[in-house]
Amino acid sequence: MRWNLRMKAAEAGIWKSTEMRRRLAEAGMEVSAGKMSALWTGTPTTIRLDDLDVICSVLECQPTELLICEPDKVAARKPKKAAETTGSGGTPVIKPRLGRHRSIPPA
């Protein structure tokens, strides 16, 4: 997900975090300077739904305009497909381990 608060705020004519903080306070959401700075400058790891609702109300937007999906990043995190971990005929590819060499077990 990409956090799009600054762009939506700019579209609403809000250019500074202090102005955004003032408007949030007018809407009933008291935000500390530190929390406002985190919301303004970066992507929050968590956000309360109540807070998101107030932010959307102030900016007159939908949550999907603030939280932008990035499917390419999701695809990059997926584990490798079975075809990439198997050799010809569907047999698993065995990769040698690095580190201590072990002796062969007795026959």
C-alpha atoms as a PDB file:
ATOM      1  CA  MET A   1       0.000   0.000   0.000  1.00  0.00           C
ATOM      2  CA  ARG A   2       1.067   3.537  -0.698  1.00  0.00           C
ATOM      3  CA  TRP A   3      -0.079   6.356   1.603  1.00  0.00           C
ATOM      4  CA  ASN A   4      -1.357   9.283  -0.473  1.00  0.00           C
ATOM      5  CA  LEU A   5      -2.218  11.850   2.225  1.00  0.00           C
ATOM      6  CA  ARG A   6      -0.017  14.700   0.994  1.00  0.00           C
ATOM      7  CA  MET A   7      -1.295  14.499  -2.583  1.00  0.00           C
ATOM      8  CA  LYS A   8      -4.953  14.451  -1.478  1.00  0.00           C
ATOM      9  CA  ALA A   9      -4.278  17.314   0.932  1.00  0.00           C
ATOM     10  CA  ALA A  10      -2.643  19.343  -1.846  1.00  0.00           C
ATOM     11  CA  GLU A  11      -5.656  18.713  -4.072  1.00  0.00           C
ATOM     12  CA  ALA A  12      -7.789  20.136  -1.240  1.00  0.00           C
ATOM     13  CA  GLY A  13      -5.550  23.206  -0.987  1.00  0.00           C
ATOM     14  CA  ILE A  14      -3.770  22.083   2.192  1.00  0.00           C
ATOM     15  CA  TRP A  15      -0.020  22.544   1.788  1.00  0.00           C
ATOM     16  CA  LYS A  16       1.253  22.309   5.370  1.00  0.00           C
ATOM     17  CA  SER A  17       0.821  19.681   8.047  1.00  0.00           C
ATOM     18  CA  THR A  18      -0.118  22.377  10.563  1.00  0.00           C
ATOM     19  CA  GLU A  19      -3.093  23.357   8.411  1.00  0.00           C
ATOM     20  CA  MET A  20      -4.128  19.711   8.109  1.00  0.00           C
ATOM     21  CA  ARG A  21      -3.778  19.289  11.869  1.00  0.00           C
ATOM     22  CA  ARG A  22      -5.970  22.369  12.468  1.00  0.00           C
ATOM     23  CA  ARG A  23      -8.679  21.057  10.132  1.00  0.00           C
ATOM     24  CA  LEU A  24      -8.596  17.635  11.776  1.00  0.00           C
ATOM     25  CA  ALA A  25      -9.009  19.329  15.182  1.00  0.00           C
ATOM     26  CA  GLU A  26     -12.010  21.259  13.849  1.00  0.00           C
ATOM     27  CA  ALA A  27     -13.500  17.917  12.787  1.00  0.00           C
ATOM     28  CA  GLY A  28     -12.981  16.490  16.298  1.00  0.00           C
ATOM     29  CA  MET A  29      -9.705  14.617  15.827  1.00  0.00           C
ATOM     30  CA  GLU A  30      -6.926  15.892  18.093  1.00  0.00           C
ATOM     31  CA  VAL A  31      -3.563  14.841  16.667  1.00  0.00           C
ATOM     32  CA  SER A  32      -0.214  15.364  18.364  1.00  0.00           C
ATOM     33  CA  ALA A  33       2.500  17.123  16.402  1.00  0.00           C
ATOM     34  CA  GLY A  34       4.540  13.903  16.298  1.00  0.00           C
ATOM     35  CA  LYS A  35       1.671  11.802  14.982  1.00  0.00           C
ATOM     36  CA  MET A  36       0.794  14.462  12.413  1.00  0.00           C
ATOM     37  CA  SER A  37       4.402  14.541  11.258  1.00  0.00           C
ATOM     38  CA  ALA A  38       4.385  10.745  10.848  1.00  0.00           C
ATOM     39  CA  LEU A  39       1.119  10.823   8.888  1.00  0.00           C
ATOM     40  CA  TRP A  40       2.335  13.718   6.734  1.00  0.00           C
ATOM     41  CA  THR A  41       5.862  12.545   5.897  1.00  0.00           C
ATOM     42  CA  GLY A  42       5.611   8.777   5.686  1.00  0.00           C
ATOM     43  CA  THR A  43       3.393   5.736   5.428  1.00  0.00           C
ATOM     44  CA  PRO A  44       1.797   4.818   8.754  1.00  0.00           C
ATOM     45  CA  THR A  45       2.165   1.184   9.774  1.00  0.00           C
ATOM     46  CA  THR A  46      -1.271   1.349  11.378  1.00  0.00           C
ATOM     47  CA  ILE A  47      -4.171   3.751  11.317  1.00  0.00           C
ATOM     48  CA  ARG A  48      -7.402   3.603  13.272  1.00  0.00           C
ATOM     49  CA  LEU A  49     -10.502   3.363  11.123  1.00  0.00           C
ATOM     50  CA  ASP A  50     -12.083   6.208  13.102  1.00  0.00           C
ATOM     51  CA  ASP A  51      -9.093   8.412  12.267  1.00  0.00           C
ATOM     52  CA  LEU A  52      -9.209   7.382   8.604  1.00  0.00           C
ATOM     53  CA  ASP A  53     -12.895   8.283   8.542  1.00  0.00           C
ATOM     54  CA  VAL A  54     -12.177  11.806   9.872  1.00  0.00           C
ATOM     55  CA  ILE A  55      -9.264  12.322   7.460  1.00  0.00           C
ATOM     56  CA  CYS A  56     -11.484  11.289   4.539  1.00  0.00           C
ATOM     57  CA  SER A  57     -14.203  13.639   5.754  1.00  0.00           C
ATOM     58  CA  VAL A  58     -11.796  16.590   5.975  1.00  0.00           C
ATOM     59  CA  LEU A  59     -10.307  15.873   2.535  1.00  0.00           C
ATOM     60  CA  GLU A  60     -13.693  14.925   1.037  1.00  0.00           C
ATOM     61  CA  CYS A  61     -12.295  11.690  -0.380  1.00  0.00           C
ATOM     62  CA  GLN A  62     -12.654   7.926  -0.091  1.00  0.00           C
ATOM     63  CA  PRO A  63     -10.209   5.628   1.766  1.00  0.00           C
ATOM     64  CA  THR A  64      -9.178   4.129  -1.579  1.00  0.00           C
ATOM     65  CA  GLU A  65      -7.838   7.536  -2.575  1.00  0.00           C
ATOM     66  CA  LEU A  66      -5.574   7.623   0.495  1.00  0.00           C
ATOM     67  CA  LEU A  67      -4.531   3.960   0.474  1.00  0.00           C
ATOM     68  CA  ILE A  68      -3.287   3.074  -3.002  1.00  0.00           C
ATOM     69  CA  CYS A  69      -2.892  -0.634  -3.766  1.00  0.00           C
ATOM     70  CA  GLU A  70       0.419  -1.710  -5.291  1.00  0.00           C
ATOM     71  CA  PRO A  71      -0.118  -5.209  -6.754  1.00  0.00           C
ATOM     72  CA  ASP A  72       3.421  -5.336  -8.205  1.00  0.00           C
ATOM     73  CA  LYS A  73       4.907  -5.228  -4.698  1.00  0.00           C
ATOM     74  CA  VAL A  74       2.555  -8.001  -3.590  1.00  0.00           C
ATOM     75  CA  ALA A  75       3.552 -10.164  -6.565  1.00  0.00           C
ATOM     76  CA  ALA A  76       7.240  -9.669  -5.759  1.00  0.00           C
ATOM     77  CA  ARG A  77       6.701 -11.089  -2.252  1.00  0.00           C
ATOM     78  CA  LYS A  78       5.073 -14.321  -3.426  1.00  0.00           C
ATOM     79  CA  PRO A  79       7.098 -17.536  -3.024  1.00  0.00           C
ATOM     80  CA  LYS A  80       8.590 -19.065  -6.140  1.00  0.00           C
ATOM     81  CA  LYS A  81       6.310 -21.255  -8.223  1.00  0.00           C
ATOM     82  CA  ALA A  82       6.691 -25.034  -8.194  1.00  0.00           C
ATOM     83  CA  ALA A  83       8.131 -24.983 -11.730  1.00  0.00           C
ATOM     84  CA  GLU A  84      11.063 -22.906 -10.471  1.00  0.00           C
ATOM     85  CA  THR A  85      11.849 -25.327  -7.622  1.00  0.00           C
ATOM     86  CA  THR A  86      11.598 -28.550  -9.638  1.00  0.00           C
ATOM     87  CA  GLY A  87      13.780 -29.952 -12.355  1.00  0.00           C
ATOM     88  CA  SER A  88      12.814 -31.861 -15.476  1.00  0.00           C
ATOM     89  CA  GLY A  89      10.179 -34.507 -14.888  1.00  0.00           C
ATOM     90  CA  GLY A  90       8.925 -32.757 -11.747  1.00  0.00           C
ATOM     91  CA  THR A  91      11.778 -33.950  -9.519  1.00  0.00           C
ATOM     92  CA  PRO A  92      12.799 -31.471  -6.835  1.00  0.00           C
ATOM     93  CA  VAL A  93      15.978 -29.508  -7.407  1.00  0.00           C
ATOM     94  CA  ILE A  94      18.503 -30.265  -4.669  1.00  0.00           C
ATOM     95  CA  LYS A  95      20.769 -27.390  -3.810  1.00  0.00           C
ATOM     96  CA  PRO A  96      24.003 -28.040  -1.931  1.00  0.00           C
ATOM     97  CA  ARG A  97      24.268 -26.562   1.528  1.00  0.00           C
ATOM     98  CA  LEU A  98      27.072 -24.243   2.341  1.00  0.00           C
ATOM     99  CA  GLY A  99      28.975 -24.739   5.550  1.00  0.00           C
ATOM    100  CA  ARG A 100      30.320 -27.874   7.217  1.00  0.00           C
ATOM    101  CA  HIS A 101      30.857 -30.881   4.986  1.00  0.00           C
ATOM    102  CA  ARG A 102      29.294 -33.986   6.405  1.00  0.00           C
ATOM    103  CA  SER A 103      30.462 -37.491   5.898  1.00  0.00           C
ATOM    104  CA  ILE A 104      28.404 -40.054   4.036  1.00  0.00           C
ATOM    105  CA  PRO A 105      26.364 -42.291   6.365  1.00  0.00           C
ATOM    106  CA  PRO A 106      27.457 -45.941   6.637  1.00  0.00           C
ATOM    107  CA  ALA A 107      25.988 -48.365   4.096  1.00  0.00           C
END
